[in-house]
PDB file of all heavy atoms in Angstrom:
ATOM      1  N   ALA A   1     118.615  70.367 268.640  1.00  0.00           N
ATOM      2  CA  ALA A   1     118.054  71.449 267.842  1.00  0.00           C
ATOM      3  C   ALA A   1     118.217  72.789 268.616  1.00  0.00           C
ATOM      4  O   ALA A   1     118.069  72.749 269.779  1.00  0.00           O
ATOM      5  CB  ALA A   1     116.601  71.093 267.397  1.00  0.00           C
ATOM      6  N   SER A   2     118.433  73.750 267.790  1.00  0.00           N
ATOM      7  CA  SER A   2     118.580  75.056 268.432  1.00  0.00           C
ATOM      8  C   SER A   2     117.947  76.085 267.389  1.00  0.00           C
ATOM      9  O   SER A   2     117.605  75.699 266.319  1.00  0.00           O
ATOM     10  CB  SER A   2     119.907  75.475 268.793  1.00  0.00           C
ATOM     11  OG  SER A   2     120.814  75.386 267.637  1.00  0.00           O
ATOM     12  N   ARG A   3     117.791  77.358 267.846  1.00  0.00           N
ATOM     13  CA  ARG A   3     117.324  78.475 267.094  1.00  0.00           C
ATOM     14  C   ARG A   3     115.962  78.148 266.602  1.00  0.00           C
ATOM     15  O   ARG A   3     115.618  78.357 265.383  1.00  0.00           O
ATOM     16  CB  ARG A   3     118.155  78.836 265.946  1.00  0.00           C
ATOM     17  CG  ARG A   3     119.718  79.131 266.433  1.00  0.00           C
ATOM     18  CD  ARG A   3     120.653  79.420 265.124  1.00  0.00           C
ATOM     19  NE  ARG A   3     121.936  79.644 265.562  1.00  0.00           N
ATOM     20  CZ  ARG A   3     122.983  79.639 264.728  1.00  0.00           C
ATOM     21  NH1 ARG A   3     122.746  79.605 263.390  1.00  0.00           N
ATOM     22  NH2 ARG A   3     124.126  79.921 265.088  1.00  0.00           N
ATOM     23  N   LEU A   4     115.190  77.501 267.455  1.00  0.00           N
ATOM     24  CA  LEU A   4     113.802  77.115 267.198  1.00  0.00           C
ATOM     25  C   LEU A   4     112.778  78.240 267.217  1.00  0.00           C
ATOM     26  O   LEU A   4     112.953  79.134 268.136  1.00  0.00           O
ATOM     27  CB  LEU A   4     113.353  75.960 268.072  1.00  0.00           C
ATOM     28  CG  LEU A   4     114.203  74.706 268.093  1.00  0.00           C
ATOM     29  CD1 LEU A   4     113.782  73.807 269.169  1.00  0.00           C
ATOM     30  CD2 LEU A   4     113.887  73.971 266.767  1.00  0.00           C
ATOM     31  N   THR A   5     111.937  78.252 266.247  1.00  0.00           N
ATOM     32  CA  THR A   5     110.934  79.301 266.269  1.00  0.00           C
ATOM     33  C   THR A   5     109.684  78.968 267.269  1.00  0.00           C
ATOM     34  O   THR A   5     109.179  79.722 267.932  1.00  0.00           O
ATOM     35  CB  THR A   5     110.240  79.518 264.913  1.00  0.00           C
ATOM     36  OG1 THR A   5     111.256  79.822 263.959  1.00  0.00           O
ATOM     37  CG2 THR A   5     109.228  80.520 264.871  1.00  0.00           C
ATOM     38  N   PHE A   6     109.513  77.586 267.353  1.00  0.00           N
ATOM     39  CA  PHE A   6     108.473  77.099 268.162  1.00  0.00           C
ATOM     40  C   PHE A   6     109.076  76.183 269.164  1.00  0.00           C
ATOM     41  O   PHE A   6     110.278  75.730 269.007  1.00  0.00           O
ATOM     42  CB  PHE A   6     107.449  76.363 267.330  1.00  0.00           C
ATOM     43  CG  PHE A   6     106.754  77.194 266.408  1.00  0.00           C
ATOM     44  CD1 PHE A   6     107.239  76.929 265.051  1.00  0.00           C
ATOM     45  CD2 PHE A   6     105.935  78.219 266.597  1.00  0.00           C
ATOM     46  CE1 PHE A   6     106.796  77.715 263.975  1.00  0.00           C
ATOM     47  CE2 PHE A   6     105.271  78.937 265.523  1.00  0.00           C
ATOM     48  CZ  PHE A   6     105.761  78.716 264.237  1.00  0.00           C
ATOM     49  N   ALA A   7     108.357  75.685 270.163  1.00  0.00           N
ATOM     50  CA  ALA A   7     108.911  74.516 271.171  1.00  0.00           C
ATOM     51  C   ALA A   7     109.210  73.303 270.306  1.00  0.00           C
ATOM     52  O   ALA A   7     108.583  73.065 269.303  1.00  0.00           O
ATOM     53  CB  ALA A   7     107.823  74.312 272.089  1.00  0.00           C
ATOM     54  N   PHE A   8     110.294  72.630 270.736  1.00  0.00           N
ATOM     55  CA  PHE A   8     110.761  71.506 270.075  1.00  0.00           C
ATOM     56  C   PHE A   8     109.582  70.433 269.848  1.00  0.00           C
ATOM     57  O   PHE A   8     109.591  69.710 268.895  1.00  0.00           O
ATOM     58  CB  PHE A   8     111.830  70.875 270.959  1.00  0.00           C
ATOM     59  CG  PHE A   8     112.525  69.724 270.255  1.00  0.00           C
ATOM     60  CD1 PHE A   8     113.212  69.784 269.071  1.00  0.00           C
ATOM     61  CD2 PHE A   8     112.522  68.501 270.794  1.00  0.00           C
ATOM     62  CE1 PHE A   8     113.777  68.718 268.387  1.00  0.00           C
ATOM     63  CE2 PHE A   8     113.154  67.322 270.286  1.00  0.00           C
ATOM     64  CZ  PHE A   8     113.731  67.576 269.118  1.00  0.00           C
ATOM     65  N   SER A   9     108.679  70.329 270.806  1.00  0.00           N
ATOM     66  CA  SER A   9     107.632  69.495 270.637  1.00  0.00           C
ATOM     67  C   SER A   9     106.725  69.738 269.596  1.00  0.00           C
ATOM     68  O   SER A   9     105.750  68.806 269.128  1.00  0.00           O
ATOM     69  CB  SER A   9     106.766  69.279 271.996  1.00  0.00           C
ATOM     70  OG  SER A   9     106.312  70.634 272.243  1.00  0.00           O
ATOM     71  N   ARG A  10     106.789  70.871 268.922  1.00  0.00           N
ATOM     72  CA  ARG A  10     105.980  71.132 267.767  1.00  0.00           C
ATOM     73  C   ARG A  10     106.775  70.876 266.428  1.00  0.00           C
ATOM     74  O   ARG A  10     106.248  71.298 265.316  1.00  0.00           O
ATOM     75  CB  ARG A  10     105.590  72.614 267.793  1.00  0.00           C
ATOM     76  CG  ARG A  10     104.718  72.978 269.073  1.00  0.00           C
ATOM     77  CD  ARG A  10     104.245  74.352 269.181  1.00  0.00           C
ATOM     78  NE  ARG A  10     103.049  74.569 268.247  1.00  0.00           N
ATOM     79  CZ  ARG A  10     102.387  75.701 268.121  1.00  0.00           C
ATOM     80  NH1 ARG A  10     102.850  76.816 268.852  1.00  0.00           N
ATOM     81  NH2 ARG A  10     101.457  75.762 267.223  1.00  0.00           N
ATOM     82  N   TYR A  11     107.825  70.137 266.541  1.00  0.00           N
ATOM     83  CA  TYR A  11     108.550  69.725 265.324  1.00  0.00           C
ATOM     84  C   TYR A  11     108.540  68.165 265.123  1.00  0.00           C
ATOM     85  O   TYR A  11     108.804  67.519 266.183  1.00  0.00           O
ATOM     86  CB  TYR A  11     109.973  70.144 265.283  1.00  0.00           C
ATOM     87  CG  TYR A  11     110.090  71.670 265.221  1.00  0.00           C
ATOM     88  CD1 TYR A  11     110.023  72.404 266.411  1.00  0.00           C
ATOM     89  CD2 TYR A  11     110.318  72.334 264.072  1.00  0.00           C
ATOM     90  CE1 TYR A  11     110.130  73.848 266.265  1.00  0.00           C
ATOM     91  CE2 TYR A  11     110.428  73.656 263.923  1.00  0.00           C
ATOM     92  CZ  TYR A  11     110.346  74.418 264.967  1.00  0.00           C
ATOM     93  OH  TYR A  11     110.496  75.787 264.932  1.00  0.00           O
ATOM     94  N   ASP A  12     108.080  67.690 264.069  1.00  0.00           N
ATOM     95  CA  ASP A  12     108.393  66.345 263.759  1.00  0.00           C
ATOM     96  C   ASP A  12     109.925  66.270 263.317  1.00  0.00           C
ATOM     97  O   ASP A  12     110.385  67.002 262.709  1.00  0.00           O
ATOM     98  CB  ASP A  12     107.559  65.772 262.527  1.00  0.00           C
ATOM     99  CG  ASP A  12     106.050  65.768 262.885  1.00  0.00           C
ATOM    100  OD1 ASP A  12     105.736  65.946 264.047  1.00  0.00           O
ATOM    101  OD2 ASP A  12     105.353  65.461 262.020  1.00  0.00           O
ATOM    102  N   MET A  13     110.425  65.101 263.795  1.00  0.00           N
ATOM    103  CA  MET A  13     111.855  64.797 263.532  1.00  0.00           C
ATOM    104  C   MET A  13     112.061  63.505 262.859  1.00  0.00           C
ATOM    105  O   MET A  13     111.356  62.606 262.942  1.00  0.00           O
ATOM    106  CB  MET A  13     112.660  64.761 264.814  1.00  0.00           C
ATOM    107  CG  MET A  13     112.540  65.978 265.745  1.00  0.00           C
ATOM    108  SD  MET A  13     113.141  67.410 265.004  1.00  0.00           S
ATOM    109  CE  MET A  13     114.922  66.996 264.793  1.00  0.00           C
ATOM    110  N   GLY A  14     113.102  63.608 261.805  1.00  0.00           N
ATOM    111  CA  GLY A  14     113.289  62.417 261.058  1.00  0.00           C
ATOM    112  C   GLY A  14     114.817  62.051 260.936  1.00  0.00           C
ATOM    113  O   GLY A  14     115.621  62.983 261.154  1.00  0.00           O
ATOM    114  N   TRP A  15     115.124  60.766 260.791  1.00  0.00           N
ATOM    115  CA  TRP A  15     116.486  60.509 260.451  1.00  0.00           C
ATOM    116  C   TRP A  15     116.499  59.841 259.120  1.00  0.00           C
ATOM    117  O   TRP A  15     115.635  58.988 258.698  1.00  0.00           O
ATOM    118  CB  TRP A  15     116.956  59.363 261.564  1.00  0.00           C
ATOM    119  CG  TRP A  15     117.295  59.902 262.827  1.00  0.00           C
ATOM    120  CD1 TRP A  15     116.581  59.877 263.908  1.00  0.00           C
ATOM    121  CD2 TRP A  15     118.477  60.449 263.215  1.00  0.00           C
ATOM    122  NE1 TRP A  15     117.266  60.466 264.977  1.00  0.00           N
ATOM    123  CE2 TRP A  15     118.490  60.860 264.509  1.00  0.00           C
ATOM    124  CE3 TRP A  15     119.704  60.781 262.427  1.00  0.00           C
ATOM    125  CZ2 TRP A  15     119.563  61.551 265.189  1.00  0.00           C
ATOM    126  CZ3 TRP A  15     120.742  61.365 263.114  1.00  0.00           C
ATOM    127  CH2 TRP A  15     120.633  61.665 264.409  1.00  0.00           C
ATOM    128  N   PHE A  16     117.530  60.249 258.317  1.00  0.00           N
ATOM    129  CA  PHE A  16     117.663  59.725 256.950  1.00  0.00           C
ATOM    130  C   PHE A  16     119.186  59.367 256.905  1.00  0.00           C
ATOM    131  O   PHE A  16     119.993  59.704 257.660  1.00  0.00           O
ATOM    132  CB  PHE A  16     117.460  60.927 256.005  1.00  0.00           C
ATOM    133  CG  PHE A  16     116.018  61.344 255.986  1.00  0.00           C
ATOM    134  CD1 PHE A  16     115.532  62.233 256.929  1.00  0.00           C
ATOM    135  CD2 PHE A  16     115.140  60.795 254.986  1.00  0.00           C
ATOM    136  CE1 PHE A  16     114.100  62.551 257.003  1.00  0.00           C
ATOM    137  CE2 PHE A  16     113.791  61.223 255.037  1.00  0.00           C
ATOM    138  CZ  PHE A  16     113.352  62.108 256.004  1.00  0.00           C
ATOM    139  N   ARG A  17     119.464  58.705 255.830  1.00  0.00           N
ATOM    140  CA  ARG A  17     120.872  58.219 255.625  1.00  0.00           C
ATOM    141  C   ARG A  17     121.277  58.192 254.143  1.00  0.00           C
ATOM    142  O   ARG A  17     120.450  58.045 253.331  1.00  0.00           O
ATOM    143  CB  ARG A  17     121.185  56.891 256.258  1.00  0.00           C
ATOM    144  CG  ARG A  17     120.461  55.605 255.682  1.00  0.00           C
ATOM    145  CD  ARG A  17     120.664  54.384 256.428  1.00  0.00           C
ATOM    146  NE  ARG A  17     120.019  53.216 255.779  1.00  0.00           N
ATOM    147  CZ  ARG A  17     120.004  52.081 256.411  1.00  0.00           C
ATOM    148  NH1 ARG A  17     120.461  51.883 257.576  1.00  0.00           N
ATOM    149  NH2 ARG A  17     119.401  50.971 255.742  1.00  0.00           N
ATOM    150  N   GLN A  18     122.493  58.425 253.858  1.00  0.00           N
ATOM    151  CA  GLN A  18     123.024  58.241 252.558  1.00  0.00           C
ATOM    152  C   GLN A  18     124.311  57.426 252.417  1.00  0.00           C
ATOM    153  O   GLN A  18     125.301  57.809 253.020  1.00  0.00           O
ATOM    154  CB  GLN A  18     123.242  59.660 251.976  1.00  0.00           C
ATOM    155  CG  GLN A  18     123.615  59.693 250.448  1.00  0.00           C
ATOM    156  CD  GLN A  18     123.588  60.963 249.821  1.00  0.00           C
ATOM    157  OE1 GLN A  18     123.582  62.025 250.505  1.00  0.00           O
ATOM    158  NE2 GLN A  18     123.362  61.133 248.408  1.00  0.00           N
ATOM    159  N   ALA A  19     124.146  56.450 251.726  1.00  0.00           N
ATOM    160  CA  ALA A  19     125.358  55.514 251.606  1.00  0.00           C
ATOM    161  C   ALA A  19     126.141  55.935 250.417  1.00  0.00           C
ATOM    162  O   ALA A  19     125.570  56.654 249.555  1.00  0.00           O
ATOM    163  CB  ALA A  19     124.900  54.105 251.451  1.00  0.00           C
ATOM    164  N   PRO A  20     127.419  55.544 250.230  1.00  0.00           N
ATOM    165  CA  PRO A  20     128.174  55.927 249.127  1.00  0.00           C
ATOM    166  C   PRO A  20     127.629  55.571 247.869  1.00  0.00           C
ATOM    167  O   PRO A  20     127.192  54.378 247.734  1.00  0.00           O
ATOM    168  CB  PRO A  20     129.573  55.352 249.415  1.00  0.00           C
ATOM    169  CG  PRO A  20     129.709  55.122 250.885  1.00  0.00           C
ATOM    170  CD  PRO A  20     128.181  54.798 251.225  1.00  0.00           C
ATOM    171  N   GLY A  21     127.405  56.393 246.933  1.00  0.00           N
ATOM    172  CA  GLY A  21     126.988  56.084 245.615  1.00  0.00           C
ATOM    173  C   GLY A  21     125.400  55.802 245.559  1.00  0.00           C
ATOM    174  O   GLY A  21     124.881  55.531 244.486  1.00  0.00           O
ATOM    175  N   LYS A  22     124.770  56.233 246.679  1.00  0.00           N
ATOM    176  CA  LYS A  22     123.247  55.961 246.730  1.00  0.00           C
ATOM    177  C   LYS A  22     122.562  57.192 247.154  1.00  0.00           C
ATOM    178  O   LYS A  22     123.087  58.073 247.621  1.00  0.00           O
ATOM    179  CB  LYS A  22     122.901  54.898 247.693  1.00  0.00           C
ATOM    180  CG  LYS A  22     123.393  53.445 247.356  1.00  0.00           C
ATOM    181  CD  LYS A  22     122.972  52.399 248.232  1.00  0.00           C
ATOM    182  CE  LYS A  22     123.382  51.019 247.829  1.00  0.00           C
ATOM    183  NZ  LYS A  22     122.877  49.860 248.657  1.00  0.00           N
ATOM    184  N   GLU A  23     121.269  57.248 246.794  1.00  0.00           N
ATOM    185  CA  GLU A  23     120.478  58.372 247.173  1.00  0.00           C
ATOM    186  C   GLU A  23     120.207  58.342 248.655  1.00  0.00           C
ATOM    187  O   GLU A  23     120.139  57.321 249.280  1.00  0.00           O
ATOM    188  CB  GLU A  23     119.124  58.482 246.347  1.00  0.00           C
ATOM    189  CG  GLU A  23     119.449  58.639 244.839  1.00  0.00           C
ATOM    190  CD  GLU A  23     118.067  58.870 244.104  1.00  0.00           C
ATOM    191  OE1 GLU A  23     117.091  58.630 244.699  1.00  0.00           O
ATOM    192  OE2 GLU A  23     118.048  59.155 242.971  1.00  0.00           O
ATOM    193  N   ARG A  24     119.888  59.527 249.219  1.00  0.00           N
ATOM    194  CA  ARG A  24     119.496  59.582 250.593  1.00  0.00           C
ATOM    195  C   ARG A  24     118.032  58.987 250.759  1.00  0.00           C
ATOM    196  O   ARG A  24     117.209  59.069 249.982  1.00  0.00           O
ATOM    197  CB  ARG A  24     119.542  61.076 251.166  1.00  0.00           C
ATOM    198  CG  ARG A  24     119.327  61.304 252.527  1.00  0.00           C
ATOM    199  CD  ARG A  24     119.675  62.662 252.861  1.00  0.00           C
ATOM    200  NE  ARG A  24     118.861  63.660 252.201  1.00  0.00           N
ATOM    201  CZ  ARG A  24     119.052  65.053 252.287  1.00  0.00           C
ATOM    202  NH1 ARG A  24     120.105  65.436 253.045  1.00  0.00           N
ATOM    203  NH2 ARG A  24     118.244  65.885 251.611  1.00  0.00           N
ATOM    204  N   GLU A  25     118.035  58.225 251.939  1.00  0.00           N
ATOM    205  CA  GLU A  25     116.806  57.485 252.073  1.00  0.00           C
ATOM    206  C   GLU A  25     116.285  57.644 253.531  1.00  0.00           C
ATOM    207  O   GLU A  25     117.012  57.978 254.499  1.00  0.00           O
ATOM    208  CB  GLU A  25     117.001  55.973 251.905  1.00  0.00           C
ATOM    209  CG  GLU A  25     117.888  55.344 252.841  1.00  0.00           C
ATOM    210  CD  GLU A  25     118.162  53.767 252.670  1.00  0.00           C
ATOM    211  OE1 GLU A  25     117.575  53.334 251.688  1.00  0.00           O
ATOM    212  OE2 GLU A  25     118.831  53.208 253.320  1.00  0.00           O
ATOM    213  N   PHE A  26     114.923  57.475 253.672  1.00  0.00           N
ATOM    214  CA  PHE A  26     114.304  57.568 255.019  1.00  0.00           C
ATOM    215  C   PHE A  26     114.765  56.509 255.951  1.00  0.00           C
ATOM    216  O   PHE A  26     114.922  55.336 255.446  1.00  0.00           O
ATOM    217  CB  PHE A  26     112.825  57.613 254.796  1.00  0.00           C
ATOM    218  CG  PHE A  26     112.067  57.399 256.145  1.00  0.00           C
ATOM    219  CD1 PHE A  26     111.863  58.409 257.080  1.00  0.00           C
ATOM    220  CD2 PHE A  26     111.574  56.105 256.435  1.00  0.00           C
ATOM    221  CE1 PHE A  26     111.142  58.229 258.130  1.00  0.00           C
ATOM    222  CE2 PHE A  26     110.832  55.893 257.527  1.00  0.00           C
ATOM    223  CZ  PHE A  26     110.677  57.011 258.476  1.00  0.00           C
ATOM    224  N   VAL A  27     114.911  56.616 257.222  1.00  0.00           N
ATOM    225  CA  VAL A  27     115.263  55.629 258.117  1.00  0.00           C
ATOM    226  C   VAL A  27     114.153  55.616 259.239  1.00  0.00           C
ATOM    227  O   VAL A  27     113.632  54.479 259.452  1.00  0.00           O
ATOM    228  CB  VAL A  27     116.590  55.899 258.915  1.00  0.00           C
ATOM    229  CG1 VAL A  27     116.870  54.940 259.980  1.00  0.00           C
ATOM    230  CG2 VAL A  27     117.675  55.893 257.730  1.00  0.00           C
ATOM    231  N   ALA A  28     113.821  56.731 259.900  1.00  0.00           N
ATOM    232  CA  ALA A  28     112.835  56.620 260.944  1.00  0.00           C
ATOM    233  C   ALA A  28     112.310  58.078 261.203  1.00  0.00           C
ATOM    234  O   ALA A  28     113.076  59.082 260.831  1.00  0.00           O
ATOM    235  CB  ALA A  28     113.484  56.062 262.319  1.00  0.00           C
ATOM    236  N   ALA A  29     111.152  58.322 261.725  1.00  0.00           N
ATOM    237  CA  ALA A  29     110.623  59.598 262.068  1.00  0.00           C
ATOM    238  C   ALA A  29     109.832  59.427 263.320  1.00  0.00           C
ATOM    239  O   ALA A  29     109.293  58.405 263.770  1.00  0.00           O
ATOM    240  CB  ALA A  29     109.774  60.090 260.860  1.00  0.00           C
ATOM    241  N   ILE A  30     109.523  60.598 264.038  1.00  0.00           N
ATOM    242  CA  ILE A  30     108.822  60.760 265.234  1.00  0.00           C
ATOM    243  C   ILE A  30     108.027  61.938 265.240  1.00  0.00           C
ATOM    244  O   ILE A  30     108.613  63.124 264.992  1.00  0.00           O
ATOM    245  CB  ILE A  30     109.694  60.447 266.577  1.00  0.00           C
ATOM    246  CG1 ILE A  30     108.931  60.541 267.727  1.00  0.00           C
ATOM    247  CG2 ILE A  30     110.814  61.628 266.555  1.00  0.00           C
ATOM    248  CD1 ILE A  30     109.869  59.930 268.989  1.00  0.00           C
ATOM    249  N   ARG A  31     106.805  61.942 265.502  1.00  0.00           N
ATOM    250  CA  ARG A  31     105.971  63.058 265.582  1.00  0.00           C
ATOM    251  C   ARG A  31     106.278  63.868 266.792  1.00  0.00           C
ATOM    252  O   ARG A  31     106.808  63.301 267.790  1.00  0.00           O
ATOM    253  CB  ARG A  31     104.483  62.672 265.635  1.00  0.00           C
ATOM    254  CG  ARG A  31     103.927  61.927 264.518  1.00  0.00           C
ATOM    255  CD  ARG A  31     104.004  62.661 263.144  1.00  0.00           C
ATOM    256  NE  ARG A  31     103.487  63.981 263.272  1.00  0.00           N
ATOM    257  CZ  ARG A  31     102.188  64.231 263.196  1.00  0.00           C
ATOM    258  NH1 ARG A  31     101.240  63.344 263.011  1.00  0.00           N
ATOM    259  NH2 ARG A  31     101.851  65.571 263.131  1.00  0.00           N
ATOM    260  N   GLY A  32     105.985  65.217 266.576  1.00  0.00           N
ATOM    261  CA  GLY A  32     106.320  66.129 267.728  1.00  0.00           C
ATOM    262  C   GLY A  32     105.510  65.930 269.012  1.00  0.00           C
ATOM    263  O   GLY A  32     105.980  65.932 269.962  1.00  0.00           O
ATOM    264  N   SER A  33     104.155  66.030 268.808  1.00  0.00           N
ATOM    265  CA  SER A  33     103.332  65.988 270.040  1.00  0.00           C
ATOM    266  C   SER A  33     103.053  64.689 270.508  1.00  0.00           C
ATOM    267  O   SER A  33     102.973  64.445 271.758  1.00  0.00           O
ATOM    268  CB  SER A  33     101.969  66.795 269.595  1.00  0.00           C
ATOM    269  OG  SER A  33     101.414  66.094 268.456  1.00  0.00           O
ATOM    270  N   THR A  34     102.905  63.741 269.657  1.00  0.00           N
ATOM    271  CA  THR A  34     102.424  62.285 270.148  1.00  0.00           C
ATOM    272  C   THR A  34     103.523  61.293 270.309  1.00  0.00           C
ATOM    273  O   THR A  34     103.456  60.384 270.767  1.00  0.00           O
ATOM    274  CB  THR A  34     101.303  61.719 269.102  1.00  0.00           C
ATOM    275  OG1 THR A  34     102.125  61.489 267.833  1.00  0.00           O
ATOM    276  CG2 THR A  34     100.225  62.680 268.984  1.00  0.00           C
ATOM    277  N   SER A  35     104.746  61.668 269.782  1.00  0.00           N
ATOM    278  CA  SER A  35     105.932  60.805 269.586  1.00  0.00           C
ATOM    279  C   SER A  35     105.627  59.386 268.839  1.00  0.00           C
ATOM    280  O   SER A  35     106.309  58.439 269.094  1.00  0.00           O
ATOM    281  CB  SER A  35     106.442  60.468 271.035  1.00  0.00           C
ATOM    282  OG  SER A  35     107.062  61.721 271.633  1.00  0.00           O
ATOM    283  N   THR A  36     104.574  59.506 268.051  1.00  0.00           N
ATOM    284  CA  THR A  36     104.252  58.467 267.256  1.00  0.00           C
ATOM    285  C   THR A  36     105.488  58.152 266.197  1.00  0.00           C
ATOM    286  O   THR A  36     106.091  59.087 265.781  1.00  0.00           O
ATOM    287  CB  THR A  36     103.093  58.637 266.433  1.00  0.00           C
ATOM    288  OG1 THR A  36     101.993  58.841 267.245  1.00  0.00           O
ATOM    289  CG2 THR A  36     102.796  57.368 265.495  1.00  0.00           C
ATOM    290  N   THR A  37     105.920  56.887 265.994  1.00  0.00           N
ATOM    291  CA  THR A  37     107.011  56.602 265.335  1.00  0.00           C
ATOM    292  C   THR A  37     106.852  55.811 264.053  1.00  0.00           C
ATOM    293  O   THR A  37     105.857  55.154 263.947  1.00  0.00           O
ATOM    294  CB  THR A  37     108.163  55.855 266.052  1.00  0.00           C
ATOM    295  OG1 THR A  37     107.573  54.608 266.632  1.00  0.00           O
ATOM    296  CG2 THR A  37     108.569  56.663 267.276  1.00  0.00           C
ATOM    297  N   VAL A  38     107.634  55.899 263.040  1.00  0.00           N
ATOM    298  CA  VAL A  38     107.494  55.166 261.807  1.00  0.00           C
ATOM    299  C   VAL A  38     108.986  54.758 261.467  1.00  0.00           C
ATOM    300  O   VAL A  38     109.928  55.532 261.610  1.00  0.00           O
ATOM    301  CB  VAL A  38     106.779  55.876 260.750  1.00  0.00           C
ATOM    302  CG1 VAL A  38     107.435  57.155 260.369  1.00  0.00           C
ATOM    303  CG2 VAL A  38     106.555  55.051 259.514  1.00  0.00           C
ATOM    304  N   TYR A  39     109.152  53.650 260.793  1.00  0.00           N
ATOM    305  CA  TYR A  39     110.502  53.100 260.439  1.00  0.00           C
ATOM    306  C   TYR A  39     110.488  52.613 259.067  1.00  0.00           C
ATOM    307  O   TYR A  39     109.611  51.976 258.521  1.00  0.00           O
ATOM    308  CB  TYR A  39     110.929  51.956 261.325  1.00  0.00           C
ATOM    309  CG  TYR A  39     111.036  52.449 262.781  1.00  0.00           C
ATOM    310  CD1 TYR A  39     109.929  52.298 263.723  1.00  0.00           C
ATOM    311  CD2 TYR A  39     112.239  52.886 263.327  1.00  0.00           C
ATOM    312  CE1 TYR A  39     110.254  52.647 265.086  1.00  0.00           C
ATOM    313  CE2 TYR A  39     112.428  53.282 264.668  1.00  0.00           C
ATOM    314  CZ  TYR A  39     111.452  53.207 265.470  1.00  0.00           C
ATOM    315  OH  TYR A  39     111.641  53.557 266.857  1.00  0.00           O
ATOM    316  N   LYS A  40     111.726  52.563 258.349  1.00  0.00           N
ATOM    317  CA  LYS A  40     111.963  51.846 257.204  1.00  0.00           C
ATOM    318  C   LYS A  40     111.973  50.452 257.569  1.00  0.00           C
ATOM    319  O   LYS A  40     112.424  49.942 258.682  1.00  0.00           O
ATOM    320  CB  LYS A  40     113.368  52.291 256.777  1.00  0.00           C
ATOM    321  CG  LYS A  40     113.957  51.584 255.443  1.00  0.00           C
ATOM    322  CD  LYS A  40     115.295  51.948 255.185  1.00  0.00           C
ATOM    323  CE  LYS A  40     115.880  51.162 254.100  1.00  0.00           C
ATOM    324  NZ  LYS A  40     115.183  51.263 252.936  1.00  0.00           N
ATOM    325  N   ASP A  41     111.456  49.639 256.722  1.00  0.00           N
ATOM    326  CA  ASP A  41     111.197  48.217 256.944  1.00  0.00           C
ATOM    327  C   ASP A  41     112.464  47.552 257.323  1.00  0.00           C
ATOM    328  O   ASP A  41     112.520  46.705 258.389  1.00  0.00           O
ATOM    329  CB  ASP A  41     110.552  47.496 255.795  1.00  0.00           C
ATOM    330  CG  ASP A  41     109.097  47.714 255.597  1.00  0.00           C
ATOM    331  OD1 ASP A  41     108.490  48.367 256.515  1.00  0.00           O
ATOM    332  OD2 ASP A  41     108.638  47.475 254.489  1.00  0.00           O
ATOM    333  N   SER A  42     113.558  47.838 256.696  1.00  0.00           N
ATOM    334  CA  SER A  42     114.800  46.992 257.087  1.00  0.00           C
ATOM    335  C   SER A  42     115.385  47.387 258.439  1.00  0.00           C
ATOM    336  O   SER A  42     116.377  46.652 258.866  1.00  0.00           O
ATOM    337  CB  SER A  42     115.826  47.244 255.796  1.00  0.00           C
ATOM    338  OG  SER A  42     116.180  48.663 255.929  1.00  0.00           O
ATOM    339  N   VAL A  43     114.958  48.381 259.047  1.00  0.00           N
ATOM    340  CA  VAL A  43     115.551  48.796 260.308  1.00  0.00           C
ATOM    341  C   VAL A  43     114.579  48.431 261.496  1.00  0.00           C
ATOM    342  O   VAL A  43     114.947  48.639 262.632  1.00  0.00           O
ATOM    343  CB  VAL A  43     116.040  50.163 260.434  1.00  0.00           C
ATOM    344  CG1 VAL A  43     116.897  50.566 259.245  1.00  0.00           C
ATOM    345  CG2 VAL A  43     114.832  51.152 260.481  1.00  0.00           C
ATOM    346  N   LYS A  44     113.350  48.022 261.220  1.00  0.00           N
ATOM    347  CA  LYS A  44     112.361  47.747 262.147  1.00  0.00           C
ATOM    348  C   LYS A  44     112.829  46.619 263.121  1.00  0.00           C
ATOM    349  O   LYS A  44     113.408  45.503 262.610  1.00  0.00           O
ATOM    350  CB  LYS A  44     111.129  47.242 261.516  1.00  0.00           C
ATOM    351  CG  LYS A  44     110.231  48.443 260.978  1.00  0.00           C
ATOM    352  CD  LYS A  44     109.023  47.872 260.395  1.00  0.00           C
ATOM    353  CE  LYS A  44     108.095  49.014 259.803  1.00  0.00           C
ATOM    354  NZ  LYS A  44     106.866  48.528 259.099  1.00  0.00           N
TER     355      LYS A  44
END
């Protein structure tokens, strides 16, 4: 990440994916300050 308004630690980050012919879906996310994570069930 670049051109941030705040420190990177103040952003939650997520990964999403889009397969051909399908809608984009959530994969995983991580909180900014605590680094708490959450995952799509199929990738856990």
